[in-house]
Amino acid sequence: MDLSRTRLEYETQGIDAADFAPEPIAQFQQWLAIAVDAELEEPNAMVVATVDDIGQPWSRFVLLKGVGDAGFEFYTNYESNKSRQLDANPKVSLTFGWTALRRQVNVAGTATRVSAKESDAYWAVRPRGSQLGGWSSAQSRTLADRAELLERYAETDAAYPDAVPRPPHWGGWRVSPHTVEFWQGRLNRLHDRLRYVAIEGGGWELERLAP
């Protein structure tokens, strides 16, 4: 397969700063709503990139579970590699890729843990199977085989026949952005890139970047 010849031309209307919201969260919510209305598969999927203690970047897909004025939220095991990396270095980036719409959004910011109350609220709406999985998986740790994981799951299911409490090692992260870039694919690779940059003291500056 010759990947050098594998390409699509992106024929889209493009984006203009005059049409954008004054701040990035509102603009992101508009684009997310369009992705949802287009019935894209998991429109809230995003790549979360962190850096470990030797400077090695790591990235993985995670589902966005909340977005508001304070930032972007996702939930995970606090003992996972990504959480340990965020504890040591809270600088993080997020990437949303809506390829069917020829769009992506890149976020750079700082991650902090959400409150226990917020983690409890989200845990309460998770399906029981996902709750049991949160207890059963020592995320990022090695397993002898899949049978070991399934055995832990069965043990957890038996231990909590009714409500499943939230594990103390499980909760949410909130990413407060300092830059948010909106990318729209265009013809001849002359893509549109509009980036919000936080202004010291409050507010946002919106600038256009060369593709």
N, C-alpha and C. Protein backbone atom coordinates (compact mmCIF):
# COMPACT_ATOMS: atom_id res chain seq x y z
N MET A 1 0.84 -1.20 0.00
CA MET A 1 0.00 0.00 0.00
C MET A 1 0.88 1.25 0.00
N ASP A 2 0.70 2.09 -1.00
CA ASP A 2 1.51 3.31 -1.12
C ASP A 2 0.78 4.46 -0.42
N LEU A 3 1.11 4.68 0.84
CA LEU A 3 0.43 5.72 1.61
C LEU A 3 0.73 7.11 1.10
N SER A 4 1.84 7.28 0.37
CA SER A 4 2.17 8.61 -0.15
C SER A 4 1.14 9.11 -1.15
N ARG A 5 0.37 8.17 -1.73
CA ARG A 5 -0.65 8.55 -2.71
C ARG A 5 -2.07 8.46 -2.15
N THR A 6 -2.17 8.23 -0.85
CA THR A 6 -3.48 8.12 -0.22
C THR A 6 -3.86 9.46 0.38
N ARG A 7 -4.83 10.13 -0.24
CA ARG A 7 -5.20 11.46 0.24
C ARG A 7 -6.63 11.79 -0.20
N LEU A 8 -7.25 12.71 0.52
CA LEU A 8 -8.55 13.25 0.16
C LEU A 8 -8.43 14.76 0.07
N GLU A 9 -9.22 15.38 -0.78
CA GLU A 9 -9.32 16.83 -0.78
C GLU A 9 -10.50 17.24 0.10
N TYR A 10 -10.28 18.24 0.92
CA TYR A 10 -11.30 18.67 1.88
C TYR A 10 -12.04 19.89 1.33
N GLU A 11 -13.19 19.64 0.73
CA GLU A 11 -13.99 20.72 0.15
C GLU A 11 -15.04 21.14 1.18
N THR A 12 -14.71 22.16 1.96
CA THR A 12 -15.62 22.65 2.99
C THR A 12 -15.75 24.17 2.87
N GLN A 13 -16.73 24.68 3.56
CA GLN A 13 -17.01 26.11 3.51
C GLN A 13 -15.93 26.93 4.22
N GLY A 14 -15.26 26.31 5.19
CA GLY A 14 -14.24 27.04 5.93
C GLY A 14 -14.83 27.77 7.13
N ILE A 15 -13.96 28.39 7.90
CA ILE A 15 -14.37 29.08 9.12
C ILE A 15 -13.78 30.48 9.14
N ASP A 16 -14.49 31.39 9.81
CA ASP A 16 -14.08 32.79 9.88
C ASP A 16 -14.20 33.26 11.32
N ALA A 17 -13.23 34.03 11.76
CA ALA A 17 -13.22 34.52 13.14
C ALA A 17 -14.47 35.33 13.46
N ALA A 18 -15.02 36.02 12.46
CA ALA A 18 -16.20 36.86 12.70
C ALA A 18 -17.41 36.03 13.12
N ASP A 19 -17.40 34.75 12.80
CA ASP A 19 -18.54 33.88 13.12
C ASP A 19 -18.33 33.11 14.43
N PHE A 20 -17.17 33.26 15.04
CA PHE A 20 -16.85 32.47 16.24
C PHE A 20 -17.33 33.16 17.51
N ALA A 21 -17.57 32.33 18.53
CA ALA A 21 -17.99 32.84 19.84
C ALA A 21 -16.84 33.60 20.50
N PRO A 22 -17.14 34.47 21.48
CA PRO A 22 -16.09 35.24 22.14
C PRO A 22 -15.11 34.40 22.95
N GLU A 23 -15.53 33.20 23.35
CA GLU A 23 -14.64 32.34 24.14
C GLU A 23 -14.73 30.90 23.65
N PRO A 24 -13.68 30.11 23.91
CA PRO A 24 -13.55 28.81 23.25
C PRO A 24 -14.53 27.74 23.71
N ILE A 25 -14.93 27.76 24.98
CA ILE A 25 -15.83 26.70 25.44
C ILE A 25 -17.16 26.76 24.69
N ALA A 26 -17.70 27.97 24.54
CA ALA A 26 -18.96 28.11 23.81
C ALA A 26 -18.81 27.66 22.36
N GLN A 27 -17.68 28.00 21.74
CA GLN A 27 -17.44 27.57 20.37
C GLN A 27 -17.29 26.05 20.27
N PHE A 28 -16.59 25.47 21.24
CA PHE A 28 -16.44 24.01 21.26
C PHE A 28 -17.80 23.34 21.40
N GLN A 29 -18.64 23.86 22.27
CA GLN A 29 -19.96 23.25 22.46
C GLN A 29 -20.78 23.29 21.18
N GLN A 30 -20.62 24.37 20.39
CA GLN A 30 -21.31 24.44 19.10
C GLN A 30 -20.82 23.35 18.16
N TRP A 31 -19.50 23.20 18.08
CA TRP A 31 -18.95 22.17 17.18
C TRP A 31 -19.30 20.77 17.66
N LEU A 32 -19.27 20.54 18.97
CA LEU A 32 -19.64 19.22 19.49
C LEU A 32 -21.09 18.90 19.16
N ALA A 33 -21.97 19.89 19.29
CA ALA A 33 -23.38 19.67 18.97
C ALA A 33 -23.56 19.29 17.51
N ILE A 34 -22.78 19.91 16.63
CA ILE A 34 -22.84 19.56 15.21
C ILE A 34 -22.37 18.12 14.99
N ALA A 35 -21.31 17.72 15.68
CA ALA A 35 -20.81 16.35 15.57
C ALA A 35 -21.84 15.35 16.08
N VAL A 36 -22.54 15.70 17.16
CA VAL A 36 -23.59 14.83 17.70
C VAL A 36 -24.75 14.73 16.71
N ASP A 37 -25.18 15.88 16.16
CA ASP A 37 -26.29 15.89 15.21
C ASP A 37 -25.95 15.11 13.95
N ALA A 38 -24.66 15.07 13.60
CA ALA A 38 -24.23 14.31 12.42
C ALA A 38 -24.18 12.81 12.69
N GLU A 39 -24.46 12.41 13.94
CA GLU A 39 -24.49 11.01 14.35
C GLU A 39 -23.14 10.33 14.14
N LEU A 40 -22.07 11.09 14.40
CA LEU A 40 -20.74 10.48 14.36
C LEU A 40 -20.58 9.52 15.52
N GLU A 41 -19.82 8.47 15.31
CA GLU A 41 -19.60 7.49 16.37
C GLU A 41 -18.72 8.10 17.46
N GLU A 42 -19.20 8.07 18.69
CA GLU A 42 -18.49 8.60 19.86
C GLU A 42 -17.89 9.99 19.58
N PRO A 43 -18.75 10.99 19.35
CA PRO A 43 -18.25 12.34 19.07
C PRO A 43 -17.51 12.95 20.24
N ASN A 44 -17.67 12.38 21.43
CA ASN A 44 -16.97 12.89 22.62
C ASN A 44 -15.63 12.20 22.86
N ALA A 45 -15.19 11.37 21.91
CA ALA A 45 -13.87 10.73 22.05
C ALA A 45 -12.77 11.76 21.83
N MET A 46 -11.73 11.67 22.64
CA MET A 46 -10.60 12.61 22.51
C MET A 46 -9.32 11.89 22.87
N VAL A 47 -8.22 12.38 22.31
CA VAL A 47 -6.91 11.86 22.65
C VAL A 47 -6.35 12.72 23.78
N VAL A 48 -5.99 12.08 24.88
CA VAL A 48 -5.37 12.77 26.02
C VAL A 48 -3.88 12.47 25.99
N ALA A 49 -3.07 13.51 25.91
CA ALA A 49 -1.62 13.34 25.85
C ALA A 49 -0.98 13.87 27.13
N THR A 50 -0.12 13.04 27.73
CA THR A 50 0.60 13.39 28.96
C THR A 50 2.08 13.10 28.74
N VAL A 51 2.89 13.50 29.72
CA VAL A 51 4.33 13.28 29.63
C VAL A 51 4.79 12.62 30.93
N ASP A 52 5.65 11.57 30.81
CA ASP A 52 6.10 10.88 32.00
C ASP A 52 7.34 11.56 32.60
N ASP A 53 7.93 10.93 33.62
CA ASP A 53 9.01 11.58 34.37
C ASP A 53 10.34 11.61 33.63
N ILE A 54 10.42 10.96 32.46
CA ILE A 54 11.65 11.06 31.66
C ILE A 54 11.40 11.85 30.37
N GLY A 55 10.25 12.52 30.32
CA GLY A 55 9.93 13.35 29.17
C GLY A 55 9.32 12.63 28.00
N GLN A 56 8.94 11.36 28.17
CA GLN A 56 8.32 10.58 27.09
C GLN A 56 6.83 10.90 27.00
N PRO A 57 6.34 11.39 25.87
CA PRO A 57 4.91 11.63 25.73
C PRO A 57 4.13 10.31 25.59
N TRP A 58 2.92 10.31 26.11
CA TRP A 58 2.01 9.18 25.97
C TRP A 58 0.64 9.73 25.58
N SER A 59 -0.08 9.00 24.73
CA SER A 59 -1.41 9.44 24.33
C SER A 59 -2.34 8.25 24.26
N ARG A 60 -3.62 8.54 24.49
CA ARG A 60 -4.63 7.49 24.47
C ARG A 60 -6.01 8.14 24.29
N PHE A 61 -6.96 7.37 23.75
CA PHE A 61 -8.33 7.87 23.62
C PHE A 61 -9.05 7.74 24.95
N VAL A 62 -9.79 8.79 25.30
CA VAL A 62 -10.61 8.84 26.50
C VAL A 62 -11.91 9.53 26.10
N LEU A 63 -13.00 9.28 26.82
CA LEU A 63 -14.26 9.92 26.50
C LEU A 63 -14.46 11.18 27.36
N LEU A 64 -14.76 12.28 26.70
CA LEU A 64 -15.14 13.52 27.40
C LEU A 64 -16.47 13.27 28.09
N LYS A 65 -16.55 13.63 29.37
CA LYS A 65 -17.79 13.39 30.13
C LYS A 65 -18.39 14.66 30.70
N GLY A 66 -17.81 15.80 30.39
CA GLY A 66 -18.37 17.06 30.81
C GLY A 66 -17.56 18.21 30.25
N VAL A 67 -18.22 19.30 29.91
CA VAL A 67 -17.52 20.49 29.45
C VAL A 67 -18.33 21.71 29.88
N GLY A 68 -17.64 22.68 30.44
CA GLY A 68 -18.28 23.91 30.91
C GLY A 68 -17.25 24.99 31.07
N ASP A 69 -17.64 26.07 31.70
CA ASP A 69 -16.75 27.22 31.84
C ASP A 69 -15.42 26.85 32.49
N ALA A 70 -15.43 25.86 33.39
CA ALA A 70 -14.20 25.48 34.10
C ALA A 70 -13.27 24.61 33.25
N GLY A 71 -13.81 24.00 32.19
CA GLY A 71 -12.94 23.19 31.34
C GLY A 71 -13.57 21.88 30.90
N PHE A 72 -12.69 20.94 30.52
CA PHE A 72 -13.07 19.65 29.94
C PHE A 72 -12.85 18.54 30.97
N GLU A 73 -13.82 17.65 31.15
CA GLU A 73 -13.74 16.65 32.20
C GLU A 73 -13.73 15.23 31.63
N PHE A 74 -12.90 14.38 32.25
CA PHE A 74 -12.95 12.95 31.96
C PHE A 74 -12.68 12.20 33.27
N TYR A 75 -13.02 10.90 33.27
CA TYR A 75 -12.92 10.10 34.49
C TYR A 75 -12.08 8.86 34.24
N THR A 76 -11.36 8.46 35.28
CA THR A 76 -10.43 7.36 35.10
C THR A 76 -9.96 6.85 36.46
N ASN A 77 -9.08 5.86 36.43
CA ASN A 77 -8.44 5.32 37.62
C ASN A 77 -7.29 6.26 38.02
N TYR A 78 -7.27 6.70 39.27
CA TYR A 78 -6.22 7.61 39.72
C TYR A 78 -4.86 6.91 39.87
N GLU A 79 -4.85 5.58 39.79
CA GLU A 79 -3.59 4.85 39.86
C GLU A 79 -3.09 4.43 38.48
N SER A 80 -3.77 4.88 37.43
CA SER A 80 -3.36 4.55 36.07
C SER A 80 -2.12 5.35 35.69
N ASN A 81 -1.49 4.95 34.59
CA ASN A 81 -0.31 5.68 34.13
C ASN A 81 -0.62 7.15 33.85
N LYS A 82 -1.76 7.41 33.19
CA LYS A 82 -2.05 8.79 32.83
C LYS A 82 -2.30 9.64 34.07
N SER A 83 -2.96 9.07 35.09
CA SER A 83 -3.19 9.83 36.31
C SER A 83 -1.89 10.08 37.07
N ARG A 84 -1.03 9.08 37.14
CA ARG A 84 0.26 9.28 37.80
C ARG A 84 1.08 10.35 37.07
N GLN A 85 1.01 10.33 35.75
CA GLN A 85 1.73 11.35 34.98
C GLN A 85 1.14 12.74 35.21
N LEU A 86 -0.18 12.83 35.30
CA LEU A 86 -0.81 14.13 35.55
C LEU A 86 -0.53 14.63 36.96
N ASP A 87 -0.45 13.72 37.92
CA ASP A 87 -0.09 14.13 39.28
C ASP A 87 1.30 14.76 39.31
N ALA A 88 2.22 14.20 38.52
CA ALA A 88 3.60 14.69 38.51
C ALA A 88 3.76 15.91 37.61
N ASN A 89 3.01 15.95 36.52
CA ASN A 89 3.10 17.06 35.56
C ASN A 89 1.70 17.30 35.00
N PRO A 90 0.99 18.30 35.50
CA PRO A 90 -0.41 18.50 35.10
C PRO A 90 -0.60 19.13 33.73
N LYS A 91 0.49 19.41 33.01
CA LYS A 91 0.34 19.94 31.66
C LYS A 91 -0.17 18.84 30.74
N VAL A 92 -1.19 19.15 29.96
CA VAL A 92 -1.88 18.12 29.19
C VAL A 92 -2.42 18.72 27.89
N SER A 93 -2.59 17.88 26.89
CA SER A 93 -3.28 18.31 25.67
C SER A 93 -4.39 17.33 25.33
N LEU A 94 -5.42 17.84 24.70
CA LEU A 94 -6.56 17.05 24.25
C LEU A 94 -6.74 17.28 22.76
N THR A 95 -7.10 16.24 22.03
CA THR A 95 -7.40 16.38 20.60
C THR A 95 -8.70 15.67 20.28
N PHE A 96 -9.62 16.40 19.67
CA PHE A 96 -10.88 15.86 19.17
C PHE A 96 -10.77 15.79 17.65
N GLY A 97 -11.07 14.63 17.07
CA GLY A 97 -10.96 14.47 15.63
C GLY A 97 -12.27 14.05 15.01
N TRP A 98 -12.96 14.96 14.36
CA TRP A 98 -14.21 14.67 13.68
C TRP A 98 -13.94 14.63 12.18
N THR A 99 -13.31 13.54 11.74
CA THR A 99 -12.78 13.48 10.37
C THR A 99 -13.88 13.55 9.32
N ALA A 100 -15.06 13.02 9.63
CA ALA A 100 -16.16 13.08 8.65
C ALA A 100 -16.56 14.52 8.36
N LEU A 101 -16.33 15.40 9.32
CA LEU A 101 -16.64 16.82 9.15
C LEU A 101 -15.42 17.62 8.74
N ARG A 102 -14.28 16.92 8.56
CA ARG A 102 -13.00 17.58 8.25
C ARG A 102 -12.64 18.59 9.34
N ARG A 103 -12.83 18.20 10.59
CA ARG A 103 -12.58 19.10 11.70
C ARG A 103 -11.78 18.42 12.81
N GLN A 104 -11.01 19.24 13.51
CA GLN A 104 -10.40 18.80 14.75
C GLN A 104 -10.27 20.00 15.68
N VAL A 105 -10.19 19.70 16.98
CA VAL A 105 -9.97 20.72 18.00
C VAL A 105 -8.81 20.26 18.87
N ASN A 106 -7.85 21.15 19.09
CA ASN A 106 -6.71 20.86 19.94
C ASN A 106 -6.73 21.78 21.15
N VAL A 107 -6.59 21.19 22.33
CA VAL A 107 -6.65 21.93 23.58
C VAL A 107 -5.34 21.74 24.33
N ALA A 108 -4.77 22.81 24.84
CA ALA A 108 -3.62 22.72 25.74
C ALA A 108 -4.00 23.39 27.04
N GLY A 109 -3.70 22.73 28.16
CA GLY A 109 -4.09 23.29 29.44
C GLY A 109 -3.48 22.57 30.61
N THR A 110 -4.10 22.77 31.75
CA THR A 110 -3.62 22.20 33.01
C THR A 110 -4.72 21.36 33.64
N ALA A 111 -4.36 20.15 34.09
CA ALA A 111 -5.32 19.22 34.66
C ALA A 111 -5.31 19.27 36.19
N THR A 112 -6.48 19.24 36.78
CA THR A 112 -6.64 19.12 38.24
C THR A 112 -7.73 18.08 38.51
N ARG A 113 -7.65 17.45 39.65
CA ARG A 113 -8.69 16.48 40.02
C ARG A 113 -9.99 17.21 40.35
N VAL A 114 -11.11 16.64 39.93
CA VAL A 114 -12.40 17.20 40.31
C VAL A 114 -12.67 16.81 41.76
N SER A 115 -13.69 17.42 42.36
CA SER A 115 -14.01 17.13 43.75
C SER A 115 -14.58 15.72 43.90
N ALA A 116 -14.51 15.18 45.10
CA ALA A 116 -15.09 13.87 45.38
C ALA A 116 -16.59 13.87 45.11
N LYS A 117 -17.23 14.99 45.41
CA LYS A 117 -18.68 15.10 45.18
C LYS A 117 -18.99 14.96 43.69
N GLU A 118 -18.17 15.60 42.84
CA GLU A 118 -18.39 15.50 41.40
C GLU A 118 -18.12 14.09 40.90
N SER A 119 -17.08 13.46 41.43
CA SER A 119 -16.79 12.08 41.03
C SER A 119 -17.91 11.14 41.45
N ASP A 120 -18.46 11.36 42.66
CA ASP A 120 -19.58 10.54 43.13
C ASP A 120 -20.78 10.69 42.20
N ALA A 121 -21.05 11.93 41.78
CA ALA A 121 -22.22 12.18 40.94
C ALA A 121 -22.10 11.46 39.60
N TYR A 122 -20.90 11.49 39.01
CA TYR A 122 -20.74 10.80 37.73
C TYR A 122 -20.76 9.28 37.92
N TRP A 123 -20.09 8.81 38.98
CA TRP A 123 -20.08 7.37 39.26
C TRP A 123 -21.50 6.82 39.37
N ALA A 124 -22.39 7.59 39.95
CA ALA A 124 -23.76 7.13 40.19
C ALA A 124 -24.53 6.88 38.90
N VAL A 125 -24.15 7.53 37.80
CA VAL A 125 -24.88 7.32 36.55
C VAL A 125 -24.20 6.31 35.63
N ARG A 126 -23.08 5.76 36.06
CA ARG A 126 -22.42 4.74 35.24
C ARG A 126 -23.21 3.43 35.31
N PRO A 127 -23.22 2.64 34.24
CA PRO A 127 -23.86 1.32 34.31
C PRO A 127 -23.16 0.43 35.34
N ARG A 128 -23.90 -0.49 35.90
CA ARG A 128 -23.32 -1.37 36.92
C ARG A 128 -22.07 -2.09 36.40
N GLY A 129 -22.11 -2.56 35.16
CA GLY A 129 -20.96 -3.26 34.62
C GLY A 129 -19.71 -2.39 34.60
N SER A 130 -19.88 -1.12 34.26
CA SER A 130 -18.75 -0.21 34.25
C SER A 130 -18.26 0.07 35.68
N GLN A 131 -19.18 0.13 36.62
CA GLN A 131 -18.79 0.33 38.02
C GLN A 131 -17.97 -0.87 38.51
N LEU A 132 -18.42 -2.07 38.19
CA LEU A 132 -17.66 -3.26 38.60
C LEU A 132 -16.29 -3.29 37.94
N GLY A 133 -16.25 -2.84 36.68
CA GLY A 133 -14.97 -2.79 35.99
C GLY A 133 -14.01 -1.82 36.65
N GLY A 134 -14.54 -0.71 37.19
CA GLY A 134 -13.70 0.26 37.89
C GLY A 134 -13.01 -0.33 39.10
N TRP A 135 -13.68 -1.26 39.76
CA TRP A 135 -13.08 -1.95 40.91
C TRP A 135 -12.15 -3.08 40.46
N SER A 136 -12.50 -3.74 39.37
CA SER A 136 -11.82 -4.98 39.00
C SER A 136 -10.47 -4.76 38.33
N SER A 137 -10.33 -3.63 37.62
CA SER A 137 -9.13 -3.41 36.83
C SER A 137 -8.12 -2.54 37.57
N ALA A 138 -6.96 -3.11 37.84
CA ALA A 138 -5.84 -2.33 38.37
C ALA A 138 -5.16 -1.70 37.15
N GLN A 139 -5.75 -0.63 36.66
CA GLN A 139 -5.41 -0.08 35.35
C GLN A 139 -3.92 0.18 35.18
N SER A 140 -3.41 -0.21 34.04
CA SER A 140 -2.01 -0.06 33.64
C SER A 140 -1.06 -1.07 34.29
N ARG A 141 -1.56 -1.93 35.16
CA ARG A 141 -0.71 -2.95 35.78
C ARG A 141 -0.76 -4.23 34.95
N THR A 142 0.28 -5.04 35.05
CA THR A 142 0.34 -6.26 34.25
C THR A 142 -0.62 -7.33 34.78
N LEU A 143 -1.10 -8.16 33.86
CA LEU A 143 -1.98 -9.28 34.18
C LEU A 143 -1.33 -10.57 33.69
N ALA A 144 -1.56 -11.65 34.41
CA ALA A 144 -1.07 -12.95 33.95
C ALA A 144 -1.80 -13.37 32.68
N ASP A 145 -3.12 -13.13 32.67
CA ASP A 145 -3.95 -13.45 31.50
C ASP A 145 -5.31 -12.80 31.71
N ARG A 146 -6.19 -12.91 30.72
CA ARG A 146 -7.51 -12.29 30.82
C ARG A 146 -8.36 -12.96 31.90
N ALA A 147 -8.12 -14.24 32.13
CA ALA A 147 -8.89 -14.95 33.16
C ALA A 147 -8.73 -14.29 34.52
N GLU A 148 -7.54 -13.77 34.80
CA GLU A 148 -7.32 -13.09 36.08
C GLU A 148 -8.24 -11.87 36.21
N LEU A 149 -8.39 -11.11 35.13
CA LEU A 149 -9.26 -9.93 35.15
C LEU A 149 -10.72 -10.34 35.34
N LEU A 150 -11.16 -11.37 34.63
CA LEU A 150 -12.54 -11.83 34.74
C LEU A 150 -12.84 -12.39 36.12
N GLU A 151 -11.84 -13.01 36.74
CA GLU A 151 -12.02 -13.52 38.10
C GLU A 151 -12.23 -12.37 39.08
N ARG A 152 -11.46 -11.31 38.93
CA ARG A 152 -11.62 -10.14 39.80
C ARG A 152 -13.01 -9.53 39.62
N TYR A 153 -13.46 -9.49 38.36
CA TYR A 153 -14.78 -8.94 38.08
C TYR A 153 -15.87 -9.74 38.78
N ALA A 154 -15.79 -11.06 38.68
CA ALA A 154 -16.79 -11.92 39.33
C ALA A 154 -16.75 -11.75 40.85
N GLU A 155 -15.57 -11.62 41.40
CA GLU A 155 -15.44 -11.42 42.86
C GLU A 155 -16.06 -10.08 43.28
N THR A 156 -15.86 -9.05 42.47
CA THR A 156 -16.42 -7.75 42.79
C THR A 156 -17.94 -7.78 42.67
N ASP A 157 -18.45 -8.45 41.66
CA ASP A 157 -19.89 -8.59 41.47
C ASP A 157 -20.52 -9.27 42.68
N ALA A 158 -19.87 -10.29 43.20
CA ALA A 158 -20.39 -11.00 44.37
C ALA A 158 -20.28 -10.14 45.63
N ALA A 159 -19.23 -9.32 45.71
CA ALA A 159 -19.02 -8.51 46.90
C ALA A 159 -20.03 -7.37 47.01
N TYR A 160 -20.54 -6.90 45.87
CA TYR A 160 -21.49 -5.79 45.87
C TYR A 160 -22.76 -6.20 45.13
N PRO A 161 -23.64 -6.97 45.77
CA PRO A 161 -24.85 -7.44 45.10
C PRO A 161 -25.85 -6.33 44.82
N ASP A 162 -25.73 -5.22 45.55
CA ASP A 162 -26.66 -4.11 45.36
C ASP A 162 -25.90 -2.92 44.77
N ALA A 163 -25.89 -1.80 45.49
CA ALA A 163 -25.18 -0.62 44.99
C ALA A 163 -23.67 -0.85 45.03
N VAL A 164 -22.97 -0.30 44.05
CA VAL A 164 -21.52 -0.41 43.97
C VAL A 164 -20.93 0.94 44.34
N PRO A 165 -20.19 1.04 45.44
CA PRO A 165 -19.62 2.33 45.83
C PRO A 165 -18.47 2.73 44.90
N ARG A 166 -18.19 4.00 44.87
CA ARG A 166 -17.06 4.47 44.06
C ARG A 166 -15.75 4.10 44.73
N PRO A 167 -14.81 3.51 43.99
CA PRO A 167 -13.50 3.20 44.58
C PRO A 167 -12.77 4.49 44.95
N PRO A 168 -12.02 4.49 46.02
CA PRO A 168 -11.28 5.70 46.40
C PRO A 168 -10.21 6.09 45.38
N HIS A 169 -9.82 5.13 44.55
CA HIS A 169 -8.78 5.39 43.55
C HIS A 169 -9.35 5.73 42.18
N TRP A 170 -10.59 6.13 42.12
CA TRP A 170 -11.24 6.40 40.84
C TRP A 170 -11.94 7.75 40.90
N GLY A 171 -11.78 8.56 39.85
CA GLY A 171 -12.44 9.86 39.84
C GLY A 171 -12.13 10.65 38.59
N GLY A 172 -12.41 11.93 38.66
CA GLY A 172 -12.33 12.76 37.47
C GLY A 172 -11.17 13.72 37.43
N TRP A 173 -10.86 14.13 36.21
CA TRP A 173 -9.89 15.18 35.94
C TRP A 173 -10.58 16.29 35.15
N ARG A 174 -10.19 17.52 35.44
CA ARG A 174 -10.70 18.67 34.68
C ARG A 174 -9.52 19.40 34.06
N VAL A 175 -9.59 19.61 32.76
CA VAL A 175 -8.53 20.32 32.04
C VAL A 175 -8.98 21.76 31.81
N SER A 176 -8.27 22.70 32.44
CA SER A 176 -8.54 24.12 32.23
C SER A 176 -7.65 24.61 31.10
N PRO A 177 -8.24 25.06 29.99
CA PRO A 177 -7.43 25.37 28.81
C PRO A 177 -6.77 26.74 28.87
N HIS A 178 -5.60 26.84 28.23
CA HIS A 178 -5.01 28.16 28.00
C HIS A 178 -4.90 28.46 26.51
N THR A 179 -4.98 27.42 25.66
CA THR A 179 -5.15 27.62 24.23
C THR A 179 -6.11 26.56 23.70
N VAL A 180 -6.93 26.96 22.73
CA VAL A 180 -7.85 26.02 22.07
C VAL A 180 -7.85 26.36 20.59
N GLU A 181 -7.45 25.39 19.77
CA GLU A 181 -7.37 25.62 18.33
C GLU A 181 -8.45 24.83 17.59
N PHE A 182 -9.14 25.53 16.70
CA PHE A 182 -10.17 24.92 15.86
C PHE A 182 -9.62 24.82 14.43
N TRP A 183 -9.66 23.61 13.88
CA TRP A 183 -9.08 23.31 12.57
C TRP A 183 -10.17 22.84 11.64
N GLN A 184 -10.22 23.44 10.45
CA GLN A 184 -11.17 23.04 9.41
C GLN A 184 -10.41 22.73 8.14
N GLY A 185 -10.55 21.52 7.61
CA GLY A 185 -9.87 21.13 6.39
C GLY A 185 -10.38 21.91 5.19
N ARG A 186 -9.44 22.30 4.30
CA ARG A 186 -9.80 23.06 3.08
C ARG A 186 -9.06 22.48 1.88
N LEU A 187 -9.42 22.95 0.71
CA LEU A 187 -8.79 22.50 -0.53
C LEU A 187 -7.30 22.84 -0.57
N ASN A 188 -6.54 21.98 -1.23
CA ASN A 188 -5.12 22.20 -1.47
C ASN A 188 -4.31 22.32 -0.18
N ARG A 189 -4.82 21.74 0.87
CA ARG A 189 -4.17 21.75 2.18
C ARG A 189 -4.02 23.18 2.73
N LEU A 190 -4.83 24.12 2.22
CA LEU A 190 -4.85 25.48 2.77
C LEU A 190 -5.92 25.55 3.85
N HIS A 191 -5.69 24.79 4.91
CA HIS A 191 -6.68 24.62 5.96
C HIS A 191 -6.88 25.91 6.76
N ASP A 192 -8.04 26.01 7.40
CA ASP A 192 -8.31 27.12 8.32
C ASP A 192 -7.96 26.69 9.73
N ARG A 193 -7.20 27.55 10.43
CA ARG A 193 -6.85 27.30 11.83
C ARG A 193 -7.09 28.58 12.63
N LEU A 194 -8.02 28.51 13.57
CA LEU A 194 -8.31 29.63 14.46
C LEU A 194 -8.01 29.20 15.88
N ARG A 195 -7.20 29.99 16.58
CA ARG A 195 -6.75 29.61 17.91
C ARG A 195 -7.08 30.68 18.94
N TYR A 196 -7.74 30.23 20.01
CA TYR A 196 -7.99 31.09 21.17
C TYR A 196 -6.78 30.99 22.10
N VAL A 197 -6.31 32.13 22.57
CA VAL A 197 -5.21 32.19 23.53
C VAL A 197 -5.67 32.99 24.73
N ALA A 198 -5.51 32.41 25.94
CA ALA A 198 -5.94 33.10 27.15
C ALA A 198 -5.10 34.36 27.36
N ILE A 199 -5.78 35.44 27.74
CA ILE A 199 -5.12 36.71 28.03
C ILE A 199 -4.92 36.83 29.53
N GLU A 200 -3.73 37.20 29.94
CA GLU A 200 -3.46 37.38 31.36
C GLU A 200 -4.42 38.42 31.93
N GLY A 201 -5.08 38.05 33.02
CA GLY A 201 -6.06 38.94 33.62
C GLY A 201 -7.48 38.65 33.20
N GLY A 202 -7.65 37.77 32.20
CA GLY A 202 -8.99 37.37 31.77
C GLY A 202 -9.27 37.66 30.32
N GLY A 203 -10.13 36.86 29.72
CA GLY A 203 -10.50 37.04 28.33
C GLY A 203 -9.66 36.19 27.39
N TRP A 204 -9.99 36.28 26.11
CA TRP A 204 -9.35 35.46 25.10
C TRP A 204 -9.03 36.28 23.86
N GLU A 205 -7.93 35.97 23.23
CA GLU A 205 -7.58 36.52 21.94
C GLU A 205 -7.75 35.43 20.89
N LEU A 206 -8.37 35.76 19.77
CA LEU A 206 -8.58 34.79 18.69
C LEU A 206 -7.68 35.17 17.52
N GLU A 207 -6.84 34.24 17.09
CA GLU A 207 -5.88 34.51 16.03
C GLU A 207 -5.96 33.42 14.96
N ARG A 208 -5.60 33.79 13.75
CA ARG A 208 -5.57 32.83 12.64
C ARG A 208 -4.14 32.37 12.43
N LEU A 209 -3.96 31.07 12.24
CA LEU A 209 -2.65 30.47 12.02
C LEU A 209 -2.52 29.97 10.59
N ALA A 210 -1.31 30.04 10.05
CA ALA A 210 -1.08 29.43 8.74
C ALA A 210 -1.19 27.91 8.85
N PRO A 211 -1.70 27.27 7.80
CA PRO A 211 -1.88 25.82 7.86
C PRO A 211 -0.58 25.07 7.76
